[in-house]
Amino acid sequence: MRIVIAGGHGKIARHLTRQLTGRGDSVTGLIRNPDQAADLRDDGAEPVVLDLEHAGAEEVAAVLAGADAVVFAAGAGPGSGTARKQTVDRGAAVLLADAAEAAGVRRYLMVSSMGAATGGAGIEDEVFAAYQDAKKAADDELMARNLDWTVIRPGGLTDEPGTGLVRMALQTGRGQIPREDVATVLRVALDDPGTAGVVTEVISGNEPIADALAAQKG
């Protein structure tokens, strides 16, 4: 497979890249900062410098041409303000969907956020509320498209080693999960076309990832 990952230098993205390239898949990582290119090459990926806040759909579609799937793992980051939640967490995700449609790439995996189903309602922190609103809007816009999408909404992210054991449900309740396990969820979803249409939260639990994901299929 050839996979294009937006936000290719993020921690989840790099775990996923190493899993995919380690078994022989081709990965293209989209990055804003050219200084990150060497890290992606070390992971076995092809880095492409492309700013999704300012690029057009045609420019992105040219990079996606011939890909089997795209993964949105980008984010404005915790230090950004409310405006960039809209331009990155929503806007870049929507741009990637536009480009996927233009390039004829049907498979789209979204790294979303726990609680994105309800957005920022009731959240006092203005920036976090804006983030959740942006993630909800991005998810909603993706799910309204005629694409083979899967939306993964992880709980609190940690850098602990992955266990391969999770809990998945439309609403799991609060919990944490290693980024490595989120990457594995994405890889398993990429391998199973039947996970198209799945929307699920995921936290650490007691069920093997493949079994938990299979149970979410309609």
N, C-alpha and C. Protein backbone atom coordinates (compact mmCIF):
# COMPACT_ATOMS: atom_id res chain seq x y z
N MET A 1 0.84 -1.20 0.00
CA MET A 1 0.00 0.00 0.00
C MET A 1 0.87 1.25 0.00
N ARG A 2 0.32 2.30 -0.56
CA ARG A 2 0.94 3.62 -0.42
C ARG A 2 0.00 4.49 0.41
N ILE A 3 0.52 4.98 1.53
CA ILE A 3 -0.26 5.75 2.48
C ILE A 3 0.33 7.15 2.57
N VAL A 4 -0.52 8.16 2.55
CA VAL A 4 -0.09 9.54 2.77
C VAL A 4 -0.61 9.99 4.13
N ILE A 5 0.31 10.46 4.98
CA ILE A 5 -0.05 10.86 6.34
C ILE A 5 0.15 12.36 6.49
N ALA A 6 -0.92 13.07 6.78
CA ALA A 6 -0.84 14.50 7.09
C ALA A 6 -0.44 14.66 8.55
N GLY A 7 0.51 15.54 8.80
CA GLY A 7 1.07 15.65 10.14
C GLY A 7 2.08 14.55 10.37
N GLY A 8 2.91 14.33 9.35
CA GLY A 8 3.79 13.15 9.33
C GLY A 8 4.84 13.11 10.41
N HIS A 9 5.13 14.25 11.07
CA HIS A 9 6.15 14.25 12.12
C HIS A 9 5.55 14.12 13.51
N GLY A 10 4.23 14.03 13.60
CA GLY A 10 3.61 13.84 14.91
C GLY A 10 3.94 12.48 15.48
N LYS A 11 3.76 12.33 16.78
CA LYS A 11 4.17 11.08 17.45
C LYS A 11 3.35 9.88 16.99
N ILE A 12 2.04 10.05 16.86
CA ILE A 12 1.21 8.94 16.36
C ILE A 12 1.62 8.62 14.93
N ALA A 13 1.80 9.66 14.12
CA ALA A 13 2.16 9.46 12.71
C ALA A 13 3.48 8.71 12.58
N ARG A 14 4.45 9.05 13.40
CA ARG A 14 5.75 8.38 13.28
C ARG A 14 5.67 6.92 13.72
N HIS A 15 4.89 6.65 14.75
CA HIS A 15 4.68 5.23 15.12
C HIS A 15 4.04 4.48 13.96
N LEU A 16 3.01 5.08 13.37
CA LEU A 16 2.32 4.43 12.26
C LEU A 16 3.26 4.25 11.07
N THR A 17 4.03 5.26 10.77
CA THR A 17 4.98 5.17 9.65
C THR A 17 5.93 4.01 9.84
N ARG A 18 6.50 3.88 11.03
CA ARG A 18 7.46 2.80 11.27
C ARG A 18 6.80 1.43 11.17
N GLN A 19 5.55 1.34 11.63
CA GLN A 19 4.83 0.07 11.49
C GLN A 19 4.61 -0.28 10.02
N LEU A 20 4.23 0.71 9.24
CA LEU A 20 3.92 0.46 7.83
C LEU A 20 5.17 0.20 7.01
N THR A 21 6.17 1.06 7.16
CA THR A 21 7.39 0.87 6.35
C THR A 21 8.14 -0.38 6.78
N GLY A 22 8.00 -0.75 8.05
CA GLY A 22 8.66 -1.94 8.54
C GLY A 22 8.17 -3.22 7.90
N ARG A 23 6.97 -3.17 7.35
CA ARG A 23 6.44 -4.37 6.69
C ARG A 23 6.43 -4.21 5.16
N GLY A 24 6.98 -3.08 4.68
CA GLY A 24 7.15 -2.92 3.25
C GLY A 24 6.20 -1.98 2.55
N ASP A 25 5.31 -1.33 3.30
CA ASP A 25 4.42 -0.35 2.69
C ASP A 25 5.18 0.94 2.38
N SER A 26 4.62 1.74 1.48
CA SER A 26 5.20 3.03 1.11
C SER A 26 4.44 4.14 1.82
N VAL A 27 5.16 5.02 2.50
CA VAL A 27 4.54 6.10 3.27
C VAL A 27 5.10 7.44 2.80
N THR A 28 4.19 8.38 2.55
CA THR A 28 4.55 9.77 2.29
C THR A 28 4.06 10.59 3.47
N GLY A 29 4.95 11.32 4.10
CA GLY A 29 4.58 12.15 5.24
C GLY A 29 4.55 13.62 4.87
N LEU A 30 3.42 14.27 5.10
CA LEU A 30 3.28 15.70 4.83
C LEU A 30 3.71 16.48 6.06
N ILE A 31 4.66 17.40 5.88
CA ILE A 31 5.19 18.19 6.98
C ILE A 31 5.25 19.66 6.57
N ARG A 32 5.19 20.54 7.56
CA ARG A 32 5.35 21.97 7.30
C ARG A 32 6.81 22.40 7.39
N ASN A 33 7.53 21.78 8.29
CA ASN A 33 8.90 22.20 8.61
C ASN A 33 9.90 21.30 7.90
N PRO A 34 10.68 21.84 6.98
CA PRO A 34 11.65 21.01 6.25
C PRO A 34 12.72 20.40 7.15
N ASP A 35 12.92 20.98 8.33
CA ASP A 35 13.91 20.42 9.25
C ASP A 35 13.51 19.05 9.77
N GLN A 36 12.24 18.69 9.60
CA GLN A 36 11.75 17.39 10.08
C GLN A 36 11.92 16.28 9.04
N ALA A 37 12.38 16.64 7.85
CA ALA A 37 12.44 15.66 6.77
C ALA A 37 13.37 14.50 7.09
N ALA A 38 14.49 14.77 7.72
CA ALA A 38 15.46 13.71 8.01
C ALA A 38 14.86 12.66 8.94
N ASP A 39 14.05 13.09 9.91
CA ASP A 39 13.42 12.13 10.82
C ASP A 39 12.49 11.20 10.04
N LEU A 40 11.74 11.75 9.10
CA LEU A 40 10.83 10.90 8.32
C LEU A 40 11.61 9.92 7.46
N ARG A 41 12.70 10.37 6.89
CA ARG A 41 13.52 9.45 6.10
C ARG A 41 14.07 8.33 6.97
N ASP A 42 14.45 8.68 8.20
CA ASP A 42 14.94 7.65 9.13
C ASP A 42 13.85 6.62 9.42
N ASP A 43 12.59 7.06 9.40
CA ASP A 43 11.46 6.15 9.63
C ASP A 43 11.11 5.35 8.38
N GLY A 44 11.74 5.67 7.26
CA GLY A 44 11.48 4.95 6.02
C GLY A 44 10.47 5.62 5.12
N ALA A 45 10.04 6.85 5.47
CA ALA A 45 9.02 7.56 4.70
C ALA A 45 9.64 8.54 3.73
N GLU A 46 8.83 8.94 2.76
CA GLU A 46 9.18 10.04 1.85
C GLU A 46 8.57 11.32 2.39
N PRO A 47 9.39 12.29 2.81
CA PRO A 47 8.83 13.55 3.31
C PRO A 47 8.44 14.48 2.17
N VAL A 48 7.31 15.15 2.32
CA VAL A 48 6.89 16.18 1.38
C VAL A 48 6.54 17.42 2.19
N VAL A 49 7.22 18.51 1.91
CA VAL A 49 6.97 19.77 2.62
C VAL A 49 5.76 20.44 1.99
N LEU A 50 4.70 20.56 2.78
CA LEU A 50 3.43 21.08 2.27
C LEU A 50 2.65 21.65 3.44
N ASP A 51 2.36 22.94 3.40
CA ASP A 51 1.65 23.62 4.47
C ASP A 51 0.15 23.54 4.20
N LEU A 52 -0.54 22.69 4.94
CA LEU A 52 -1.97 22.48 4.71
C LEU A 52 -2.83 23.67 5.13
N GLU A 53 -2.26 24.63 5.82
CA GLU A 53 -3.01 25.85 6.14
C GLU A 53 -3.09 26.79 4.94
N HIS A 54 -2.19 26.62 3.98
CA HIS A 54 -2.13 27.57 2.87
C HIS A 54 -2.17 26.91 1.51
N ALA A 55 -2.05 25.60 1.44
CA ALA A 55 -2.06 24.91 0.15
C ALA A 55 -3.47 24.85 -0.43
N GLY A 56 -3.55 24.61 -1.73
CA GLY A 56 -4.83 24.41 -2.38
C GLY A 56 -5.09 22.93 -2.59
N ALA A 57 -6.35 22.60 -2.86
CA ALA A 57 -6.73 21.20 -3.01
C ALA A 57 -5.99 20.54 -4.18
N GLU A 58 -5.78 21.26 -5.26
CA GLU A 58 -5.10 20.68 -6.41
C GLU A 58 -3.65 20.33 -6.07
N GLU A 59 -2.99 21.20 -5.32
CA GLU A 59 -1.61 20.96 -4.92
C GLU A 59 -1.51 19.70 -4.05
N VAL A 60 -2.44 19.57 -3.12
CA VAL A 60 -2.43 18.40 -2.24
C VAL A 60 -2.82 17.15 -3.02
N ALA A 61 -3.79 17.26 -3.92
CA ALA A 61 -4.23 16.12 -4.71
C ALA A 61 -3.08 15.56 -5.55
N ALA A 62 -2.19 16.42 -6.01
CA ALA A 62 -1.05 15.95 -6.80
C ALA A 62 -0.15 15.02 -5.98
N VAL A 63 -0.03 15.31 -4.70
CA VAL A 63 0.78 14.44 -3.82
C VAL A 63 0.03 13.14 -3.53
N LEU A 64 -1.30 13.21 -3.45
CA LEU A 64 -2.11 12.04 -3.12
C LEU A 64 -2.30 11.09 -4.31
N ALA A 65 -2.01 11.55 -5.50
CA ALA A 65 -2.27 10.73 -6.69
C ALA A 65 -1.61 9.36 -6.57
N GLY A 66 -2.40 8.31 -6.77
CA GLY A 66 -1.89 6.95 -6.71
C GLY A 66 -1.85 6.35 -5.33
N ALA A 67 -2.25 7.11 -4.30
CA ALA A 67 -2.24 6.57 -2.94
C ALA A 67 -3.43 5.63 -2.73
N ASP A 68 -3.26 4.70 -1.80
CA ASP A 68 -4.34 3.80 -1.43
C ASP A 68 -5.18 4.36 -0.28
N ALA A 69 -4.59 5.25 0.52
CA ALA A 69 -5.30 5.80 1.67
C ALA A 69 -4.59 7.05 2.15
N VAL A 70 -5.35 7.89 2.85
CA VAL A 70 -4.78 9.05 3.53
C VAL A 70 -5.14 8.94 5.01
N VAL A 71 -4.25 9.47 5.84
CA VAL A 71 -4.47 9.52 7.28
C VAL A 71 -4.28 10.96 7.73
N PHE A 72 -5.28 11.51 8.43
CA PHE A 72 -5.14 12.85 8.99
C PHE A 72 -4.70 12.72 10.43
N ALA A 73 -3.42 13.05 10.68
CA ALA A 73 -2.87 12.99 12.03
C ALA A 73 -2.23 14.33 12.40
N ALA A 74 -2.64 15.38 11.72
CA ALA A 74 -2.10 16.72 11.97
C ALA A 74 -2.87 17.39 13.09
N GLY A 75 -2.28 18.45 13.62
CA GLY A 75 -2.96 19.22 14.65
C GLY A 75 -2.22 20.52 14.90
N ALA A 76 -2.96 21.52 15.36
CA ALA A 76 -2.34 22.81 15.63
C ALA A 76 -1.42 22.76 16.84
N GLY A 77 -1.66 21.81 17.73
CA GLY A 77 -0.78 21.66 18.90
C GLY A 77 -1.30 22.44 20.10
N PRO A 78 -0.85 22.04 21.30
CA PRO A 78 -1.38 22.62 22.53
C PRO A 78 -1.01 24.08 22.73
N GLY A 79 0.03 24.57 22.07
CA GLY A 79 0.44 25.96 22.26
C GLY A 79 -0.24 26.94 21.34
N SER A 80 -1.13 26.46 20.48
CA SER A 80 -1.77 27.34 19.50
C SER A 80 -3.06 27.93 20.06
N GLY A 81 -3.48 29.03 19.46
CA GLY A 81 -4.72 29.68 19.89
C GLY A 81 -5.93 29.15 19.17
N THR A 82 -7.07 29.81 19.44
CA THR A 82 -8.33 29.33 18.90
C THR A 82 -8.38 29.40 17.37
N ALA A 83 -7.74 30.39 16.77
CA ALA A 83 -7.83 30.55 15.32
C ALA A 83 -7.23 29.37 14.59
N ARG A 84 -6.11 28.85 15.08
CA ARG A 84 -5.44 27.75 14.39
C ARG A 84 -6.17 26.42 14.61
N LYS A 85 -7.01 26.36 15.61
CA LYS A 85 -7.84 25.16 15.74
C LYS A 85 -8.75 25.03 14.51
N GLN A 86 -9.21 26.17 14.01
CA GLN A 86 -10.07 26.15 12.82
C GLN A 86 -9.26 25.93 11.55
N THR A 87 -8.09 26.56 11.44
CA THR A 87 -7.34 26.46 10.19
C THR A 87 -6.62 25.13 10.05
N VAL A 88 -6.25 24.49 11.17
CA VAL A 88 -5.55 23.20 11.09
C VAL A 88 -6.48 22.05 11.43
N ASP A 89 -6.99 22.02 12.67
CA ASP A 89 -7.75 20.86 13.13
C ASP A 89 -9.03 20.64 12.32
N ARG A 90 -9.61 21.72 11.84
CA ARG A 90 -10.75 21.56 10.93
C ARG A 90 -10.33 21.78 9.48
N GLY A 91 -9.77 22.95 9.19
CA GLY A 91 -9.51 23.35 7.81
C GLY A 91 -8.59 22.41 7.07
N ALA A 92 -7.51 22.00 7.69
CA ALA A 92 -6.57 21.10 7.01
C ALA A 92 -7.19 19.73 6.79
N ALA A 93 -8.00 19.28 7.74
CA ALA A 93 -8.67 17.98 7.58
C ALA A 93 -9.65 18.01 6.41
N VAL A 94 -10.37 19.11 6.29
CA VAL A 94 -11.32 19.25 5.19
C VAL A 94 -10.58 19.37 3.86
N LEU A 95 -9.48 20.13 3.85
CA LEU A 95 -8.67 20.24 2.63
C LEU A 95 -8.17 18.87 2.19
N LEU A 96 -7.73 18.05 3.13
CA LEU A 96 -7.25 16.72 2.79
C LEU A 96 -8.38 15.88 2.18
N ALA A 97 -9.59 16.04 2.69
CA ALA A 97 -10.73 15.32 2.12
C ALA A 97 -11.04 15.82 0.72
N ASP A 98 -10.98 17.14 0.53
CA ASP A 98 -11.18 17.69 -0.82
C ASP A 98 -10.16 17.11 -1.79
N ALA A 99 -8.91 17.08 -1.35
CA ALA A 99 -7.83 16.58 -2.20
C ALA A 99 -7.98 15.09 -2.47
N ALA A 100 -8.41 14.34 -1.46
CA ALA A 100 -8.61 12.90 -1.64
C ALA A 100 -9.69 12.65 -2.70
N GLU A 101 -10.77 13.39 -2.63
CA GLU A 101 -11.82 13.24 -3.64
C GLU A 101 -11.29 13.58 -5.03
N ALA A 102 -10.53 14.67 -5.11
CA ALA A 102 -10.00 15.08 -6.42
C ALA A 102 -9.01 14.07 -6.98
N ALA A 103 -8.27 13.40 -6.09
CA ALA A 103 -7.26 12.43 -6.53
C ALA A 103 -7.82 11.03 -6.68
N GLY A 104 -9.09 10.83 -6.32
CA GLY A 104 -9.69 9.51 -6.42
C GLY A 104 -9.24 8.55 -5.33
N VAL A 105 -8.84 9.09 -4.17
CA VAL A 105 -8.43 8.26 -3.04
C VAL A 105 -9.62 8.15 -2.09
N ARG A 106 -10.22 6.99 -2.00
CA ARG A 106 -11.45 6.84 -1.23
C ARG A 106 -11.22 6.62 0.26
N ARG A 107 -10.13 6.01 0.63
CA ARG A 107 -9.92 5.62 2.03
C ARG A 107 -9.32 6.78 2.81
N TYR A 108 -9.98 7.15 3.90
CA TYR A 108 -9.56 8.30 4.71
C TYR A 108 -9.71 7.92 6.18
N LEU A 109 -8.61 7.94 6.91
CA LEU A 109 -8.62 7.69 8.35
C LEU A 109 -8.38 8.99 9.10
N MET A 110 -9.26 9.29 10.03
CA MET A 110 -9.18 10.52 10.81
C MET A 110 -8.76 10.22 12.25
N VAL A 111 -7.69 10.87 12.70
CA VAL A 111 -7.35 10.85 14.12
C VAL A 111 -8.08 12.03 14.74
N SER A 112 -9.13 11.74 15.46
CA SER A 112 -9.98 12.76 16.04
C SER A 112 -9.68 12.89 17.54
N SER A 113 -10.68 13.15 18.33
CA SER A 113 -10.48 13.39 19.76
C SER A 113 -11.67 12.85 20.54
N MET A 114 -11.39 12.26 21.69
CA MET A 114 -12.48 11.85 22.57
C MET A 114 -13.36 13.07 22.88
N GLY A 115 -14.65 12.88 22.78
CA GLY A 115 -15.58 13.96 23.05
C GLY A 115 -15.92 14.80 21.84
N ALA A 116 -15.33 14.49 20.69
CA ALA A 116 -15.60 15.29 19.50
C ALA A 116 -17.05 15.19 19.04
N ALA A 117 -17.76 14.16 19.46
CA ALA A 117 -19.16 14.02 19.07
C ALA A 117 -20.00 15.19 19.54
N THR A 118 -19.65 15.77 20.66
CA THR A 118 -20.42 16.89 21.22
C THR A 118 -19.70 18.22 21.09
N GLY A 119 -18.44 18.21 20.65
CA GLY A 119 -17.71 19.45 20.49
C GLY A 119 -17.39 20.12 21.81
N GLY A 120 -17.30 21.45 21.79
CA GLY A 120 -16.84 22.18 22.97
C GLY A 120 -17.93 22.60 23.92
N ALA A 121 -19.15 22.11 23.74
CA ALA A 121 -20.26 22.50 24.63
C ALA A 121 -19.94 22.17 26.08
N GLY A 122 -20.06 23.16 26.94
CA GLY A 122 -19.86 22.95 28.37
C GLY A 122 -18.42 22.97 28.83
N ILE A 123 -17.47 23.18 27.92
CA ILE A 123 -16.04 23.22 28.28
C ILE A 123 -15.67 24.66 28.60
N GLU A 124 -15.12 24.89 29.79
CA GLU A 124 -14.81 26.26 30.21
C GLU A 124 -13.57 26.81 29.54
N ASP A 125 -12.57 25.96 29.32
CA ASP A 125 -11.34 26.42 28.69
C ASP A 125 -11.62 26.80 27.23
N GLU A 126 -11.42 28.07 26.91
CA GLU A 126 -11.80 28.58 25.59
C GLU A 126 -11.04 27.88 24.46
N VAL A 127 -9.76 27.67 24.65
CA VAL A 127 -8.95 27.07 23.59
C VAL A 127 -9.32 25.60 23.40
N PHE A 128 -9.50 24.88 24.50
CA PHE A 128 -9.86 23.46 24.38
C PHE A 128 -11.26 23.32 23.79
N ALA A 129 -12.16 24.23 24.16
CA ALA A 129 -13.51 24.20 23.58
C ALA A 129 -13.43 24.43 22.06
N ALA A 130 -12.58 25.36 21.65
CA ALA A 130 -12.42 25.63 20.22
C ALA A 130 -11.83 24.41 19.51
N TYR A 131 -10.91 23.74 20.17
CA TYR A 131 -10.32 22.52 19.61
C TYR A 131 -11.38 21.45 19.40
N GLN A 132 -12.20 21.22 20.41
CA GLN A 132 -13.24 20.20 20.31
C GLN A 132 -14.29 20.58 19.25
N ASP A 133 -14.62 21.87 19.17
CA ASP A 133 -15.54 22.31 18.13
C ASP A 133 -14.95 22.04 16.75
N ALA A 134 -13.65 22.31 16.60
CA ALA A 134 -12.99 22.10 15.30
C ALA A 134 -12.95 20.62 14.95
N LYS A 135 -12.67 19.77 15.93
CA LYS A 135 -12.63 18.33 15.66
C LYS A 135 -14.02 17.81 15.30
N LYS A 136 -15.03 18.29 16.01
CA LYS A 136 -16.41 17.88 15.68
C LYS A 136 -16.77 18.29 14.25
N ALA A 137 -16.44 19.53 13.90
CA ALA A 137 -16.77 20.02 12.56
C ALA A 137 -16.04 19.21 11.49
N ALA A 138 -14.76 18.90 11.74
CA ALA A 138 -13.99 18.11 10.77
C ALA A 138 -14.57 16.71 10.62
N ASP A 139 -14.91 16.09 11.74
CA ASP A 139 -15.52 14.75 11.69
C ASP A 139 -16.85 14.79 10.93
N ASP A 140 -17.68 15.76 11.27
CA ASP A 140 -18.99 15.84 10.65
C ASP A 140 -18.87 16.04 9.14
N GLU A 141 -17.95 16.91 8.73
CA GLU A 141 -17.79 17.18 7.30
C GLU A 141 -17.24 15.96 6.57
N LEU A 142 -16.34 15.23 7.22
CA LEU A 142 -15.81 14.01 6.60
C LEU A 142 -16.90 12.96 6.47
N MET A 143 -17.67 12.78 7.52
CA MET A 143 -18.68 11.71 7.52
C MET A 143 -19.83 11.99 6.56
N ALA A 144 -19.96 13.25 6.13
CA ALA A 144 -21.00 13.58 5.16
C ALA A 144 -20.56 13.29 3.73
N ARG A 145 -19.32 12.89 3.54
CA ARG A 145 -18.79 12.68 2.19
C ARG A 145 -18.90 11.21 1.77
N ASN A 146 -18.87 11.03 0.48
CA ASN A 146 -18.90 9.69 -0.09
C ASN A 146 -17.47 9.16 -0.19
N LEU A 147 -16.86 8.99 0.97
CA LEU A 147 -15.52 8.41 1.09
C LEU A 147 -15.59 7.22 2.04
N ASP A 148 -14.59 6.36 1.98
CA ASP A 148 -14.52 5.22 2.90
C ASP A 148 -13.74 5.65 4.14
N TRP A 149 -14.44 6.37 5.00
CA TRP A 149 -13.79 6.99 6.15
C TRP A 149 -13.90 6.12 7.40
N THR A 150 -12.92 6.30 8.28
CA THR A 150 -12.94 5.73 9.63
C THR A 150 -12.48 6.84 10.57
N VAL A 151 -13.22 7.04 11.66
CA VAL A 151 -12.91 8.10 12.61
C VAL A 151 -12.53 7.47 13.95
N ILE A 152 -11.28 7.71 14.35
CA ILE A 152 -10.75 7.17 15.61
C ILE A 152 -10.60 8.31 16.60
N ARG A 153 -11.23 8.17 17.78
CA ARG A 153 -11.24 9.23 18.79
C ARG A 153 -10.55 8.74 20.05
N PRO A 154 -9.23 8.93 20.14
CA PRO A 154 -8.51 8.42 21.30
C PRO A 154 -8.72 9.27 22.54
N GLY A 155 -8.52 8.62 23.70
CA GLY A 155 -8.53 9.33 24.96
C GLY A 155 -7.22 10.06 25.18
N GLY A 156 -6.89 10.30 26.44
CA GLY A 156 -5.66 11.01 26.76
C GLY A 156 -4.44 10.24 26.27
N LEU A 157 -3.57 10.93 25.56
CA LEU A 157 -2.44 10.27 24.90
C LEU A 157 -1.21 10.25 25.81
N THR A 158 -0.54 9.10 25.82
CA THR A 158 0.69 8.96 26.59
C THR A 158 1.79 8.43 25.69
N ASP A 159 3.01 8.50 26.18
CA ASP A 159 4.16 7.97 25.45
C ASP A 159 4.63 6.63 26.00
N GLU A 160 3.78 5.99 26.78
CA GLU A 160 4.11 4.66 27.28
C GLU A 160 4.15 3.66 26.11
N PRO A 161 4.89 2.57 26.26
CA PRO A 161 4.87 1.55 25.20
C PRO A 161 3.46 0.99 25.00
N GLY A 162 3.14 0.68 23.76
CA GLY A 162 1.83 0.11 23.47
C GLY A 162 1.69 -1.28 24.07
N THR A 163 0.45 -1.61 24.42
CA THR A 163 0.16 -2.94 24.98
C THR A 163 -0.58 -3.82 23.99
N GLY A 164 -1.19 -3.20 22.96
CA GLY A 164 -2.02 -3.96 22.02
C GLY A 164 -3.39 -4.29 22.56
N LEU A 165 -3.72 -3.77 23.74
CA LEU A 165 -5.00 -4.06 24.39
C LEU A 165 -5.75 -2.75 24.60
N VAL A 166 -7.02 -2.73 24.17
CA VAL A 166 -7.78 -1.48 24.19
C VAL A 166 -9.22 -1.72 24.60
N ARG A 167 -9.93 -0.63 24.76
CA ARG A 167 -11.39 -0.65 24.87
C ARG A 167 -11.92 0.32 23.82
N MET A 168 -12.86 -0.11 23.03
CA MET A 168 -13.46 0.73 22.00
C MET A 168 -14.97 0.76 22.17
N ALA A 169 -15.54 1.94 21.97
CA ALA A 169 -16.99 2.11 21.98
C ALA A 169 -17.27 3.50 21.45
N LEU A 170 -18.52 3.76 21.09
CA LEU A 170 -18.88 5.10 20.66
C LEU A 170 -18.57 6.09 21.77
N GLN A 171 -18.79 5.66 23.03
CA GLN A 171 -18.39 6.44 24.19
C GLN A 171 -17.79 5.48 25.21
N THR A 172 -16.50 5.59 25.42
CA THR A 172 -15.81 4.67 26.32
C THR A 172 -15.79 5.16 27.76
N GLY A 173 -16.01 6.44 27.97
CA GLY A 173 -15.68 7.04 29.25
C GLY A 173 -14.21 7.46 29.23
N ARG A 174 -13.84 8.26 30.21
CA ARG A 174 -12.50 8.84 30.21
C ARG A 174 -11.44 7.76 30.39
N GLY A 175 -10.27 8.00 29.82
CA GLY A 175 -9.17 7.07 29.95
C GLY A 175 -8.01 7.51 29.08
N GLN A 176 -6.90 6.81 29.22
CA GLN A 176 -5.70 7.13 28.47
C GLN A 176 -5.34 5.99 27.53
N ILE A 177 -4.44 6.29 26.60
CA ILE A 177 -3.97 5.27 25.66
C ILE A 177 -2.61 5.68 25.13
N PRO A 178 -1.66 4.74 25.02
CA PRO A 178 -0.38 5.08 24.40
C PRO A 178 -0.54 5.44 22.94
N ARG A 179 0.23 6.42 22.50
CA ARG A 179 0.20 6.80 21.08
C ARG A 179 0.53 5.60 20.18
N GLU A 180 1.41 4.74 20.64
CA GLU A 180 1.77 3.57 19.84
C GLU A 180 0.55 2.69 19.58
N ASP A 181 -0.33 2.56 20.57
CA ASP A 181 -1.54 1.76 20.37
C ASP A 181 -2.51 2.44 19.40
N VAL A 182 -2.59 3.77 19.45
CA VAL A 182 -3.43 4.48 18.48
C VAL A 182 -2.92 4.21 17.07
N ALA A 183 -1.61 4.24 16.90
CA ALA A 183 -1.02 3.94 15.59
C ALA A 183 -1.38 2.53 15.13
N THR A 184 -1.36 1.60 16.05
CA THR A 184 -1.70 0.22 15.69
C THR A 184 -3.18 0.11 15.30
N VAL A 185 -4.04 0.84 16.00
CA VAL A 185 -5.45 0.87 15.60
C VAL A 185 -5.58 1.35 14.16
N LEU A 186 -4.85 2.40 13.81
CA LEU A 186 -4.90 2.92 12.45
C LEU A 186 -4.40 1.88 11.44
N ARG A 187 -3.31 1.22 11.77
CA ARG A 187 -2.77 0.20 10.85
C ARG A 187 -3.76 -0.93 10.65
N VAL A 188 -4.37 -1.40 11.72
CA VAL A 188 -5.35 -2.48 11.61
C VAL A 188 -6.55 -2.02 10.78
N ALA A 189 -6.97 -0.78 10.98
CA ALA A 189 -8.08 -0.25 10.19
C ALA A 189 -7.72 -0.16 8.71
N LEU A 190 -6.49 0.23 8.42
CA LEU A 190 -6.05 0.29 7.02
C LEU A 190 -6.10 -1.09 6.37
N ASP A 191 -5.82 -2.12 7.15
CA ASP A 191 -5.80 -3.48 6.61
C ASP A 191 -7.20 -4.07 6.43
N ASP A 192 -8.20 -3.44 7.02
CA ASP A 192 -9.56 -4.01 6.99
C ASP A 192 -10.53 -3.02 6.36
N PRO A 193 -10.84 -3.17 5.08
CA PRO A 193 -11.78 -2.25 4.42
C PRO A 193 -13.14 -2.21 5.10
N GLY A 194 -13.48 -3.26 5.83
CA GLY A 194 -14.77 -3.31 6.51
C GLY A 194 -14.90 -2.33 7.65
N THR A 195 -13.79 -1.68 8.03
CA THR A 195 -13.88 -0.68 9.09
C THR A 195 -14.31 0.68 8.55
N ALA A 196 -14.51 0.79 7.24
CA ALA A 196 -15.07 2.03 6.70
C ALA A 196 -16.44 2.28 7.33
N GLY A 197 -16.66 3.51 7.76
CA GLY A 197 -17.92 3.86 8.42
C GLY A 197 -17.88 3.72 9.93
N VAL A 198 -16.78 3.23 10.47
CA VAL A 198 -16.66 3.09 11.93
C VAL A 198 -16.28 4.42 12.55
N VAL A 199 -16.97 4.78 13.63
CA VAL A 199 -16.62 5.92 14.48
C VAL A 199 -16.49 5.37 15.89
N THR A 200 -15.33 5.53 16.52
CA THR A 200 -15.16 4.93 17.83
C THR A 200 -14.17 5.70 18.68
N GLU A 201 -14.47 5.79 19.97
CA GLU A 201 -13.47 6.22 20.93
C GLU A 201 -12.61 5.02 21.28
N VAL A 202 -11.39 5.28 21.75
CA VAL A 202 -10.49 4.19 22.11
C VAL A 202 -9.61 4.61 23.28
N ILE A 203 -9.54 3.74 24.27
CA ILE A 203 -8.65 3.90 25.42
C ILE A 203 -8.02 2.54 25.71
N SER A 204 -7.07 2.53 26.61
CA SER A 204 -6.47 1.25 26.99
C SER A 204 -7.52 0.37 27.65
N GLY A 205 -7.39 -0.93 27.42
CA GLY A 205 -8.36 -1.87 27.97
C GLY A 205 -7.81 -3.27 28.00
N ASN A 206 -8.69 -4.24 27.76
CA ASN A 206 -8.31 -5.65 27.89
C ASN A 206 -8.52 -6.46 26.61
N GLU A 207 -8.93 -5.80 25.53
CA GLU A 207 -9.28 -6.53 24.31
C GLU A 207 -8.22 -6.29 23.24
N PRO A 208 -7.76 -7.32 22.54
CA PRO A 208 -6.82 -7.12 21.44
C PRO A 208 -7.39 -6.15 20.41
N ILE A 209 -6.52 -5.31 19.86
CA ILE A 209 -6.96 -4.24 18.97
C ILE A 209 -7.80 -4.76 17.81
N ALA A 210 -7.35 -5.80 17.13
CA ALA A 210 -8.09 -6.31 15.97
C ALA A 210 -9.49 -6.75 16.37
N ASP A 211 -9.63 -7.41 17.53
CA ASP A 211 -10.94 -7.86 17.98
C ASP A 211 -11.83 -6.68 18.34
N ALA A 212 -11.26 -5.68 19.04
CA ALA A 212 -12.05 -4.52 19.45
C ALA A 212 -12.53 -3.74 18.25
N LEU A 213 -11.67 -3.60 17.25
CA LEU A 213 -12.06 -2.86 16.05
C LEU A 213 -13.10 -3.62 15.24
N ALA A 214 -12.94 -4.93 15.14
CA ALA A 214 -13.91 -5.74 14.41
C ALA A 214 -15.30 -5.63 15.04
N ALA A 215 -15.35 -5.51 16.36
CA ALA A 215 -16.63 -5.43 17.06
C ALA A 215 -17.35 -4.13 16.80
N GLN A 216 -16.63 -3.11 16.31
CA GLN A 216 -17.25 -1.81 16.01
C GLN A 216 -17.88 -1.77 14.63
N LYS A 217 -17.60 -2.76 13.80
CA LYS A 217 -18.13 -2.74 12.44
C LYS A 217 -19.63 -3.00 12.46
N GLY A 218 -20.35 -2.28 11.61
CA GLY A 218 -21.80 -2.43 11.56
C GLY A 218 -22.24 -3.75 11.04
